[in-house]
PDB file of N, CA and C in Angstrom:
ATOM      1  N   UNK A   1      95.128  93.604  83.494  1.00  0.00           N
ATOM      2  CA  UNK A   1      95.588  93.650  84.869  1.00  0.00           C
ATOM      3  C   UNK A   1      97.096  93.394  84.888  1.00  0.00           C
ATOM      4  N   UNK A   2      97.822  94.238  85.581  1.00  0.00           N
ATOM      5  CA  UNK A   2      99.266  94.054  85.650  1.00  0.00           C
ATOM      6  C   UNK A   2      99.612  93.008  86.698  1.00  0.00           C
ATOM      7  N   UNK A   3     100.729  92.391  86.493  1.00  0.00           N
ATOM      8  CA  UNK A   3     101.185  91.354  87.415  1.00  0.00           C
ATOM      9  C   UNK A   3     102.250  91.915  88.343  1.00  0.00           C
ATOM     10  N   UNK A   4     102.265  91.392  89.550  1.00  0.00           N
ATOM     11  CA  UNK A   4     103.233  91.755  90.573  1.00  0.00           C
ATOM     12  C   UNK A   4     104.255  90.627  90.644  1.00  0.00           C
ATOM     13  N   UNK A   5     105.519  90.968  90.744  1.00  0.00           N
ATOM     14  CA  UNK A   5     106.580  89.973  90.873  1.00  0.00           C
ATOM     15  C   UNK A   5     107.024  89.937  92.327  1.00  0.00           C
ATOM     16  N   UNK A   6     107.097  88.737  92.887  1.00  0.00           N
ATOM     17  CA  UNK A   6     107.631  88.539  94.232  1.00  0.00           C
ATOM     18  C   UNK A   6     108.591  87.364  94.193  1.00  0.00           C
ATOM     19  N   UNK A   7     109.582  87.412  95.061  1.00  0.00           N
ATOM     20  CA  UNK A   7     110.572  86.337  95.124  1.00  0.00           C
ATOM     21  C   UNK A   7     110.659  85.828  96.549  1.00  0.00           C
ATOM     22  N   UNK A   8     110.522  84.517  96.706  1.00  0.00           N
ATOM     23  CA  UNK A   8     110.608  83.881  98.019  1.00  0.00           C
ATOM     24  C   UNK A   8     111.738  82.863  98.000  1.00  0.00           C
ATOM     25  N   UNK A   9     112.535  82.874  99.045  1.00  0.00           N
ATOM     26  CA  UNK A   9     113.596  81.883  99.194  1.00  0.00           C
ATOM     27  C   UNK A   9     113.119  80.839 100.198  1.00  0.00           C
ATOM     28  N   UNK A  10     113.064  79.590  99.736  1.00  0.00           N
ATOM     29  CA  UNK A  10     112.633  78.490 100.593  1.00  0.00           C
ATOM     30  C   UNK A  10     113.758  78.122 101.551  1.00  0.00           C
ATOM     31  N   UNK A  11     113.461  77.342 102.567  1.00  0.00           N
ATOM     32  CA  UNK A  11     114.454  76.961 103.564  1.00  0.00           C
ATOM     33  C   UNK A  11     115.627  76.177 102.986  1.00  0.00           C
ATOM     34  N   UNK A  12     115.417  75.467 101.888  1.00  0.00           N
ATOM     35  CA  UNK A  12     116.513  74.712 101.275  1.00  0.00           C
ATOM     36  C   UNK A  12     117.372  75.580 100.361  1.00  0.00           C
ATOM     37  N   UNK A  13     117.058  76.871 100.300  1.00  0.00           N
ATOM     38  CA  UNK A  13     117.823  77.806  99.474  1.00  0.00           C
ATOM     39  C   UNK A  13     117.262  78.012  98.078  1.00  0.00           C
ATOM     40  N   UNK A  14     116.273  77.222  97.703  1.00  0.00           N
ATOM     41  CA  UNK A  14     115.657  77.379  96.386  1.00  0.00           C
ATOM     42  C   UNK A  14     114.928  78.710  96.319  1.00  0.00           C
ATOM     43  N   UNK A  15     115.189  79.452  95.262  1.00  0.00           N
ATOM     44  CA  UNK A  15     114.544  80.745  95.054  1.00  0.00           C
ATOM     45  C   UNK A  15     113.369  80.545  94.102  1.00  0.00           C
ATOM     46  N   UNK A  16     112.193  80.974  94.540  1.00  0.00           N
ATOM     47  CA  UNK A  16     110.989  80.861  93.723  1.00  0.00           C
ATOM     48  C   UNK A  16     110.554  82.271  93.338  1.00  0.00           C
ATOM     49  N   UNK A  17     110.573  82.540  92.062  1.00  0.00           N
ATOM     50  CA  UNK A  17     110.122  83.835  91.548  1.00  0.00           C
ATOM     51  C   UNK A  17     108.693  83.661  91.050  1.00  0.00           C
ATOM     52  N   UNK A  18     107.803  84.460  91.588  1.00  0.00           N
ATOM     53  CA  UNK A  18     106.392  84.410  91.191  1.00  0.00           C
ATOM     54  C   UNK A  18     106.144  85.627  90.308  1.00  0.00           C
ATOM     55  N   UNK A  19     105.890  85.387  89.042  1.00  0.00           N
ATOM     56  CA  UNK A  19     105.731  86.470  88.068  1.00  0.00           C
ATOM     57  C   UNK A  19     104.283  86.870  87.838  1.00  0.00           C
ATOM     58  N   UNK A  20     103.346  86.113  88.401  1.00  0.00           N
ATOM     59  CA  UNK A  20     101.948  86.359  88.064  1.00  0.00           C
ATOM     60  C   UNK A  20     101.075  86.678  89.271  1.00  0.00           C
ATOM     61  N   UNK A  21     101.674  87.206  90.339  1.00  0.00           N
ATOM     62  CA  UNK A  21     100.869  87.631  91.487  1.00  0.00           C
ATOM     63  C   UNK A  21     100.038  88.837  91.068  1.00  0.00           C
ATOM     64  N   UNK A  22      98.927  89.045  91.741  1.00  0.00           N
ATOM     65  CA  UNK A  22      98.047  90.151  91.366  1.00  0.00           C
ATOM     66  C   UNK A  22      97.822  91.096  92.542  1.00  0.00           C
ATOM     67  N   UNK A  23      97.497  92.319  92.218  1.00  0.00           N
ATOM     68  CA  UNK A  23      97.190  93.323  93.231  1.00  0.00           C
ATOM     69  C   UNK A  23      95.996  92.850  94.051  1.00  0.00           C
ATOM     70  N   UNK A  24      96.044  93.101  95.332  1.00  0.00           N
ATOM     71  CA  UNK A  24      95.030  92.737  96.316  1.00  0.00           C
ATOM     72  C   UNK A  24      95.064  91.271  96.723  1.00  0.00           C
ATOM     73  N   UNK A  25      95.934  90.487  96.138  1.00  0.00           N
ATOM     74  CA  UNK A  25      96.162  89.118  96.579  1.00  0.00           C
ATOM     75  C   UNK A  25      97.152  89.203  97.748  1.00  0.00           C
ATOM     76  N   UNK A  26      97.100  88.271  98.686  1.00  0.00           N
ATOM     77  CA  UNK A  26      98.102  88.275  99.750  1.00  0.00           C
ATOM     78  C   UNK A  26      99.351  87.540  99.261  1.00  0.00           C
ATOM     79  N   UNK A  27     100.463  87.831  99.903  1.00  0.00           N
ATOM     80  CA  UNK A  27     101.694  87.117  99.587  1.00  0.00           C
ATOM     81  C   UNK A  27     101.504  85.624  99.826  1.00  0.00           C
ATOM     82  N   UNK A  28     100.771  85.255 100.878  1.00  0.00           N
ATOM     83  CA  UNK A  28     100.499  83.851 101.171  1.00  0.00           C
ATOM     84  C   UNK A  28      99.744  83.182 100.023  1.00  0.00           C
ATOM     85  N   UNK A  29      98.719  83.845  99.505  1.00  0.00           N
ATOM     86  CA  UNK A  29      97.933  83.265  98.410  1.00  0.00           C
ATOM     87  C   UNK A  29      98.809  83.037  97.182  1.00  0.00           C
ATOM     88  N   UNK A  30      99.633  84.004  96.845  1.00  0.00           N
ATOM     89  CA  UNK A  30     100.518  83.868  95.685  1.00  0.00           C
ATOM     90  C   UNK A  30     101.522  82.740  95.914  1.00  0.00           C
ATOM     91  N   UNK A  31     102.072  82.655  97.131  1.00  0.00           N
ATOM     92  CA  UNK A  31     103.059  81.620  97.443  1.00  0.00           C
ATOM     93  C   UNK A  31     102.447  80.222  97.391  1.00  0.00           C
ATOM     94  N   UNK A  32     101.262  80.070  97.935  1.00  0.00           N
ATOM     95  CA  UNK A  32     100.606  78.754  97.897  1.00  0.00           C
ATOM     96  C   UNK A  32     100.283  78.333  96.468  1.00  0.00           C
ATOM     97  N   UNK A  33      99.793  79.283  95.684  1.00  0.00           N
ATOM     98  CA  UNK A  33      99.473  78.981  94.285  1.00  0.00           C
ATOM     99  C   UNK A  33     100.724  78.533  93.524  1.00  0.00           C
ATOM    100  N   UNK A  34     101.870  79.113  93.879  1.00  0.00           N
ATOM    101  CA  UNK A  34     103.129  78.782  93.215  1.00  0.00           C
ATOM    102  C   UNK A  34     103.814  77.557  93.817  1.00  0.00           C
ATOM    103  N   UNK A  35     103.233  76.991  94.879  1.00  0.00           N
ATOM    104  CA  UNK A  35     103.796  75.795  95.493  1.00  0.00           C
ATOM    105  C   UNK A  35     105.049  76.045  96.314  1.00  0.00           C
ATOM    106  N   UNK A  36     105.175  77.217  96.898  1.00  0.00           N
ATOM    107  CA  UNK A  36     106.350  77.536  97.711  1.00  0.00           C
ATOM    108  C   UNK A  36     106.353  76.658  98.963  1.00  0.00           C
ATOM    109  N   UNK A  37     107.422  75.902  99.133  1.00  0.00           N
ATOM    110  CA  UNK A  37     107.561  75.017 100.295  1.00  0.00           C
ATOM    111  C   UNK A  37     107.678  75.837 101.571  1.00  0.00           C
ATOM    112  N   UNK A  38     106.966  75.391 102.609  1.00  0.00           N
ATOM    113  CA  UNK A  38     107.043  76.032 103.906  1.00  0.00           C
ATOM    114  C   UNK A  38     105.932  77.022 104.186  1.00  0.00           C
ATOM    115  N   UNK A  39     105.153  77.377 103.177  1.00  0.00           N
ATOM    116  CA  UNK A  39     103.990  78.248 103.387  1.00  0.00           C
ATOM    117  C   UNK A  39     102.790  77.314 103.533  1.00  0.00           C
ATOM    118  N   UNK A  40     102.533  76.881 104.767  1.00  0.00           N
ATOM    119  CA  UNK A  40     101.492  75.894 105.046  1.00  0.00           C
ATOM    120  C   UNK A  40     100.118  76.552 105.113  1.00  0.00           C
ATOM    121  N   UNK A  41     100.046  77.683 105.810  1.00  0.00           N
ATOM    122  CA  UNK A  41      98.806  78.459 105.919  1.00  0.00           C
ATOM    123  C   UNK A  41      97.642  77.621 106.429  1.00  0.00           C
ATOM    124  N   UNK A  42      97.841  76.988 107.563  1.00  0.00           N
ATOM    125  CA  UNK A  42      96.809  76.127 108.149  1.00  0.00           C
ATOM    126  C   UNK A  42      95.475  76.830 108.342  1.00  0.00           C
ATOM    127  N   UNK A  43      95.499  78.114 108.683  1.00  0.00           N
ATOM    128  CA  UNK A  43      94.248  78.828 108.963  1.00  0.00           C
ATOM    129  C   UNK A  43      93.612  79.395 107.699  1.00  0.00           C
ATOM    130  N   UNK A  44      94.272  79.255 106.564  1.00  0.00           N
ATOM    131  CA  UNK A  44      93.705  79.745 105.318  1.00  0.00           C
ATOM    132  C   UNK A  44      93.850  81.239 105.108  1.00  0.00           C
ATOM    133  N   UNK A  45      94.629  81.886 105.934  1.00  0.00           N
ATOM    134  CA  UNK A  45      94.893  83.307 105.724  1.00  0.00           C
ATOM    135  C   UNK A  45      94.100  84.251 106.589  1.00  0.00           C
ATOM    136  N   UNK A  46      93.590  83.770 107.721  1.00  0.00           N
ATOM    137  CA  UNK A  46      92.794  84.644 108.590  1.00  0.00           C
ATOM    138  C   UNK A  46      93.561  85.087 109.834  1.00  0.00           C
ATOM    139  N   UNK A  47      94.871  84.964 109.804  1.00  0.00           N
ATOM    140  CA  UNK A  47      95.745  85.448 110.877  1.00  0.00           C
ATOM    141  C   UNK A  47      95.438  84.776 112.219  1.00  0.00           C
ATOM    142  N   UNK A  48      95.245  83.450 112.181  1.00  0.00           N
ATOM    143  CA  UNK A  48      95.020  82.747 113.442  1.00  0.00           C
ATOM    144  C   UNK A  48      96.008  81.600 113.632  1.00  0.00           C
ATOM    145  N   UNK A  49      97.099  81.635 112.888  1.00  0.00           N
ATOM    146  CA  UNK A  49      98.198  80.692 113.089  1.00  0.00           C
ATOM    147  C   UNK A  49      99.466  81.421 112.627  1.00  0.00           C
ATOM    148  N   UNK A  50     100.560  80.763 112.641  1.00  0.00           N
ATOM    149  CA  UNK A  50     101.793  81.402 112.175  1.00  0.00           C
ATOM    150  C   UNK A  50     102.506  80.505 111.173  1.00  0.00           C
ATOM    151  N   UNK A  51     101.737  79.756 110.404  1.00  0.00           N
ATOM    152  CA  UNK A  51     102.318  78.791 109.474  1.00  0.00           C
ATOM    153  C   UNK A  51     102.570  79.370 108.086  1.00  0.00           C
ATOM    154  N   UNK A  52     102.539  80.692 107.982  1.00  0.00           N
ATOM    155  CA  UNK A  52     102.905  81.362 106.727  1.00  0.00           C
ATOM    156  C   UNK A  52     103.950  82.440 107.013  1.00  0.00           C
ATOM    157  N   UNK A  53     104.717  82.221 108.065  1.00  0.00           N
ATOM    158  CA  UNK A  53     105.728  83.147 108.570  1.00  0.00           C
ATOM    159  C   UNK A  53     106.853  83.324 107.541  1.00  0.00           C
ATOM    160  N   UNK A  54     107.182  84.578 107.278  1.00  0.00           N
ATOM    161  CA  UNK A  54     108.299  84.907 106.388  1.00  0.00           C
ATOM    162  C   UNK A  54     109.157  85.996 107.013  1.00  0.00           C
ATOM    163  N   UNK A  55     110.379  86.105 106.510  1.00  0.00           N
ATOM    164  CA  UNK A  55     111.273  87.198 106.859  1.00  0.00           C
ATOM    165  C   UNK A  55     111.345  88.107 105.634  1.00  0.00           C
ATOM    166  N   UNK A  56     110.832  89.305 105.770  1.00  0.00           N
ATOM    167  CA  UNK A  56     110.828  90.265 104.664  1.00  0.00           C
ATOM    168  C   UNK A  56     112.235  90.834 104.518  1.00  0.00           C
ATOM    169  N   UNK A  57     112.724  90.906 103.287  1.00  0.00           N
ATOM    170  CA  UNK A  57     114.049  91.481 103.043  1.00  0.00           C
ATOM    171  C   UNK A  57     114.091  92.906 103.579  1.00  0.00           C
ATOM    172  N   UNK A  58     115.213  93.263 104.170  1.00  0.00           N
ATOM    173  CA  UNK A  58     115.363  94.561 104.838  1.00  0.00           C
ATOM    174  C   UNK A  58     114.931  95.734 103.968  1.00  0.00           C
ATOM    175  N   UNK A  59     115.237  95.696 102.684  1.00  0.00           N
ATOM    176  CA  UNK A  59     114.890  96.796 101.770  1.00  0.00           C
ATOM    177  C   UNK A  59     113.387  96.981 101.615  1.00  0.00           C
ATOM    178  N   UNK A  60     112.606  95.985 101.988  1.00  0.00           N
ATOM    179  CA  UNK A  60     111.166  96.014 101.759  1.00  0.00           C
ATOM    180  C   UNK A  60     110.338  96.268 103.013  1.00  0.00           C
ATOM    181  N   UNK A  61     110.966  96.288 104.174  1.00  0.00           N
ATOM    182  CA  UNK A  61     110.210  96.423 105.430  1.00  0.00           C
ATOM    183  C   UNK A  61     109.364  97.691 105.442  1.00  0.00           C
ATOM    184  N   UNK A  62     109.912  98.800 105.035  1.00  0.00           N
ATOM    185  CA  UNK A  62     109.168 100.057 105.044  1.00  0.00           C
ATOM    186  C   UNK A  62     107.964 100.034 104.118  1.00  0.00           C
ATOM    187  N   UNK A  63     108.058  99.279 103.043  1.00  0.00           N
ATOM    188  CA  UNK A  63     106.950  99.227 102.078  1.00  0.00           C
ATOM    189  C   UNK A  63     105.827  98.300 102.516  1.00  0.00           C
ATOM    190  N   UNK A  64     106.161  97.198 103.208  1.00  0.00           N
ATOM    191  CA  UNK A  64     105.097  96.285 103.651  1.00  0.00           C
ATOM    192  C   UNK A  64     104.538  96.695 105.000  1.00  0.00           C
ATOM    193  N   UNK A  65     105.283  97.476 105.752  1.00  0.00           N
ATOM    194  CA  UNK A  65     104.812  97.968 107.033  1.00  0.00           C
ATOM    195  C   UNK A  65     105.029  96.979 108.166  1.00  0.00           C
ATOM    196  N   UNK A  66     104.655  97.427 109.339  1.00  0.00           N
ATOM    197  CA  UNK A  66     104.794  96.640 110.559  1.00  0.00           C
ATOM    198  C   UNK A  66     103.536  95.800 110.796  1.00  0.00           C
ATOM    199  N   UNK A  67     103.663  94.703 111.548  1.00  0.00           N
ATOM    200  CA  UNK A  67     102.471  93.912 111.879  1.00  0.00           C
ATOM    201  C   UNK A  67     101.525  94.691 112.786  1.00  0.00           C
ATOM    202  N   UNK A  68     100.225  94.470 112.598  1.00  0.00           N
ATOM    203  CA  UNK A  68      99.263  95.085 113.519  1.00  0.00           C
ATOM    204  C   UNK A  68      99.241  94.262 114.807  1.00  0.00           C
ATOM    205  N   UNK A  69      98.390  94.637 115.746  1.00  0.00           N
ATOM    206  CA  UNK A  69      98.361  93.997 117.065  1.00  0.00           C
ATOM    207  C   UNK A  69      98.040  92.508 116.987  1.00  0.00           C
ATOM    208  N   UNK A  70      97.078  92.133 116.173  1.00  0.00           N
ATOM    209  CA  UNK A  70      96.686  90.718 116.055  1.00  0.00           C
ATOM    210  C   UNK A  70      97.826  89.901 115.451  1.00  0.00           C
ATOM    211  N   UNK A  71      98.416  90.405 114.374  1.00  0.00           N
ATOM    212  CA  UNK A  71      99.533  89.693 113.749  1.00  0.00           C
ATOM    213  C   UNK A  71     100.715  89.598 114.718  1.00  0.00           C
ATOM    214  N   UNK A  72     100.972  90.665 115.450  1.00  0.00           N
ATOM    215  CA  UNK A  72     102.057  90.667 116.423  1.00  0.00           C
ATOM    216  C   UNK A  72     101.858  89.565 117.467  1.00  0.00           C
ATOM    217  N   UNK A  73     100.619  89.370 117.910  1.00  0.00           N
ATOM    218  CA  UNK A  73     100.316  88.304 118.868  1.00  0.00           C
ATOM    219  C   UNK A  73     100.551  86.925 118.264  1.00  0.00           C
ATOM    220  N   UNK A  74     100.198  86.758 116.996  1.00  0.00           N
ATOM    221  CA  UNK A  74     100.445  85.476 116.326  1.00  0.00           C
ATOM    222  C   UNK A  74     101.944  85.229 116.192  1.00  0.00           C
ATOM    223  N   UNK A  75     102.696  86.266 115.901  1.00  0.00           N
ATOM    224  CA  UNK A  75     104.151  86.123 115.782  1.00  0.00           C
ATOM    225  C   UNK A  75     104.787  85.786 117.126  1.00  0.00           C
ATOM    226  N   UNK A  76     104.145  86.174 118.209  1.00  0.00           N
ATOM    227  CA  UNK A  76     104.643  85.791 119.537  1.00  0.00           C
ATOM    228  C   UNK A  76     104.651  84.273 119.705  1.00  0.00           C
ATOM    229  N   UNK A  77     103.781  83.574 118.958  1.00  0.00           N
ATOM    230  CA  UNK A  77     103.725  82.111 119.022  1.00  0.00           C
ATOM    231  C   UNK A  77     105.019  81.476 118.492  1.00  0.00           C
ATOM    232  N   UNK A  78     105.742  82.216 117.670  1.00  0.00           N
ATOM    233  CA  UNK A  78     106.985  81.710 117.077  1.00  0.00           C
ATOM    234  C   UNK A  78     108.172  82.552 117.522  1.00  0.00           C
ATOM    235  N   UNK A  79     108.104  83.002 118.763  1.00  0.00           N
ATOM    236  CA  UNK A  79     109.130  83.900 119.298  1.00  0.00           C
ATOM    237  C   UNK A  79     110.539  83.329 119.176  1.00  0.00           C
ATOM    238  N   UNK A  80     110.677  82.005 119.239  1.00  0.00           N
ATOM    239  CA  UNK A  80     111.991  81.373 119.165  1.00  0.00           C
ATOM    240  C   UNK A  80     112.646  81.524 117.788  1.00  0.00           C
ATOM    241  N   UNK A  81     111.865  81.838 116.758  1.00  0.00           N
ATOM    242  CA  UNK A  81     112.425  82.053 115.417  1.00  0.00           C
ATOM    243  C   UNK A  81     112.051  83.427 114.858  1.00  0.00           C
ATOM    244  N   UNK A  82     111.420  84.237 115.671  1.00  0.00           N
ATOM    245  CA  UNK A  82     110.997  85.563 115.239  1.00  0.00           C
ATOM    246  C   UNK A  82     112.196  86.485 115.089  1.00  0.00           C
ATOM    247  N   UNK A  83     112.129  87.335 114.066  1.00  0.00           N
ATOM    248  CA  UNK A  83     113.144  88.355 113.822  1.00  0.00           C
ATOM    249  C   UNK A  83     112.446  89.707 113.690  1.00  0.00           C
ATOM    250  N   UNK A  84     113.202  90.792 113.722  1.00  0.00           N
ATOM    251  CA  UNK A  84     112.580  92.115 113.556  1.00  0.00           C
ATOM    252  C   UNK A  84     111.834  92.266 112.221  1.00  0.00           C
ATOM    253  N   UNK A  85     112.219  91.494 111.213  1.00  0.00           N
ATOM    254  CA  UNK A  85     111.588  91.574 109.899  1.00  0.00           C
ATOM    255  C   UNK A  85     110.567  90.454 109.661  1.00  0.00           C
ATOM    256  N   UNK A  86     110.116  89.811 110.741  1.00  0.00           N
ATOM    257  CA  UNK A  86     109.104  88.752 110.630  1.00  0.00           C
ATOM    258  C   UNK A  86     107.741  89.339 110.285  1.00  0.00           C
ATOM    259  N   UNK A  87     107.052  88.664 109.373  1.00  0.00           N
ATOM    260  CA  UNK A  87     105.667  88.992 109.042  1.00  0.00           C
ATOM    261  C   UNK A  87     104.952  87.697 108.707  1.00  0.00           C
ATOM    262  N   UNK A  88     103.641  87.732 108.807  1.00  0.00           N
ATOM    263  CA  UNK A  88     102.820  86.625 108.321  1.00  0.00           C
ATOM    264  C   UNK A  88     102.447  86.983 106.894  1.00  0.00           C
ATOM    265  N   UNK A  89     102.754  86.090 105.978  1.00  0.00           N
ATOM    266  CA  UNK A  89     102.543  86.415 104.562  1.00  0.00           C
ATOM    267  C   UNK A  89     101.070  86.605 104.220  1.00  0.00           C
ATOM    268  N   UNK A  90     100.169  86.068 105.053  1.00  0.00           N
ATOM    269  CA  UNK A  90      98.731  86.268 104.811  1.00  0.00           C
ATOM    270  C   UNK A  90      98.320  87.716 105.064  1.00  0.00           C
ATOM    271  N   UNK A  91      99.146  88.470 105.769  1.00  0.00           N
ATOM    272  CA  UNK A  91      98.812  89.842 106.116  1.00  0.00           C
ATOM    273  C   UNK A  91      99.517  90.863 105.226  1.00  0.00           C
ATOM    274  N   UNK A  92     100.274  90.397 104.264  1.00  0.00           N
ATOM    275  CA  UNK A  92     100.941  91.296 103.316  1.00  0.00           C
ATOM    276  C   UNK A  92     100.123  91.323 102.038  1.00  0.00           C
ATOM    277  N   UNK A  93      99.470  92.449 101.793  1.00  0.00           N
ATOM    278  CA  UNK A  93      98.673  92.616 100.574  1.00  0.00           C
ATOM    279  C   UNK A  93      99.588  93.082  99.459  1.00  0.00           C
ATOM    280  N   UNK A  94      99.487  92.435  98.327  1.00  0.00           N
ATOM    281  CA  UNK A  94     100.321  92.794  97.193  1.00  0.00           C
ATOM    282  C   UNK A  94      99.717  93.971  96.432  1.00  0.00           C
ATOM    283  N   UNK A  95     100.603  94.790  95.897  1.00  0.00           N
ATOM    284  CA  UNK A  95     100.213  95.962  95.121  1.00  0.00           C
ATOM    285  C   UNK A  95     101.419  96.386  94.298  1.00  0.00           C
ATOM    286  N   UNK A  96     101.222  97.348  93.434  1.00  0.00           N
ATOM    287  CA  UNK A  96     102.347  97.882  92.653  1.00  0.00           C
ATOM    288  C   UNK A  96     103.442  98.423  93.565  1.00  0.00           C
ATOM    289  N   UNK A  97     103.061  98.907  94.750  1.00  0.00           N
ATOM    290  CA  UNK A  97     104.037  99.474  95.688  1.00  0.00           C
ATOM    291  C   UNK A  97     105.042  98.427  96.182  1.00  0.00           C
ATOM    292  N   UNK A  98     104.677  97.156  96.127  1.00  0.00           N
ATOM    293  CA  UNK A  98     105.592  96.099  96.568  1.00  0.00           C
ATOM    294  C   UNK A  98     106.010  95.191  95.409  1.00  0.00           C
ATOM    295  N   UNK A  99     105.868  95.667  94.185  1.00  0.00           N
ATOM    296  CA  UNK A  99     106.321  94.914  93.019  1.00  0.00           C
ATOM    297  C   UNK A  99     107.827  94.697  93.145  1.00  0.00           C
ATOM    298  N   UNK A 100     108.258  93.425  93.148  1.00  0.00           N
ATOM    299  CA  UNK A 100     109.659  93.085  93.333  1.00  0.00           C
ATOM    300  C   UNK A 100     109.987  92.615  94.740  1.00  0.00           C
ATOM    301  N   UNK A 101     108.978  92.545  95.601  1.00  0.00           N
ATOM    302  CA  UNK A 101     109.154  92.140  97.000  1.00  0.00           C
ATOM    303  C   UNK A 101     109.954  90.853  97.114  1.00  0.00           C
ATOM    304  N   UNK A 102     110.837  90.825  98.113  1.00  0.00           N
ATOM    305  CA  UNK A 102     111.656  89.642  98.385  1.00  0.00           C
ATOM    306  C   UNK A 102     111.472  89.252  99.844  1.00  0.00           C
ATOM    307  N   UNK A 103     111.367  87.951 100.080  1.00  0.00           N
ATOM    308  CA  UNK A 103     111.224  87.433 101.439  1.00  0.00           C
ATOM    309  C   UNK A 103     111.790  86.027 101.499  1.00  0.00           C
ATOM    310  N   UNK A 104     112.031  85.582 102.720  1.00  0.00           N
ATOM    311  CA  UNK A 104     112.543  84.230 102.978  1.00  0.00           C
ATOM    312  C   UNK A 104     111.512  83.504 103.842  1.00  0.00           C
ATOM    313  N   UNK A 105     111.236  82.261 103.488  1.00  0.00           N
ATOM    314  CA  UNK A 105     110.310  81.456 104.271  1.00  0.00           C
ATOM    315  C   UNK A 105     110.986  81.092 105.595  1.00  0.00           C
ATOM    316  N   UNK A 106     110.294  81.341 106.694  1.00  0.00           N
ATOM    317  CA  UNK A 106     110.837  81.019 108.016  1.00  0.00           C
ATOM    318  C   UNK A 106     110.833  79.508 108.226  1.00  0.00           C
ATOM    319  N   UNK A 107     111.652  79.024 109.142  1.00  0.00           N
ATOM    320  CA  UNK A 107     111.692  77.578 109.419  1.00  0.00           C
ATOM    321  C   UNK A 107     110.327  77.068 109.897  1.00  0.00           C
ATOM    322  N   UNK A 108     110.106  75.772 109.700  1.00  0.00           N
ATOM    323  CA  UNK A 108     108.870  75.139 110.194  1.00  0.00           C
ATOM    324  C   UNK A 108     108.781  75.300 111.697  1.00  0.00           C
ATOM    325  N   UNK A 109     107.541  75.311 112.175  1.00  0.00           N
ATOM    326  CA  UNK A 109     107.307  75.466 113.615  1.00  0.00           C
ATOM    327  C   UNK A 109     107.772  74.277 114.395  1.00  0.00           C
TER     328      UNK A 109
END
């Protein structure tokens, strides 16, 4: 099985490179396994909170796609820190198509 590489920048500026993410895993699952600060994921990845909010790097937005209606509603909960590139990391499925993905952890709620 090939590994997917993703890079997350924590709020303190620390860059965490995850070299062992796998296809079909969510970005949230990979981030939690790697101990990325700020990815709380209170709901466990079922898109019912916004505690895994990230800002996807501009170069990657087209590859990860836009939030669906449910995710968009959850992002409305964090409208004060929402950006056009906001996504919930639990809703980003990893694959070879996003190998090298970069994102920044959004501020705490």
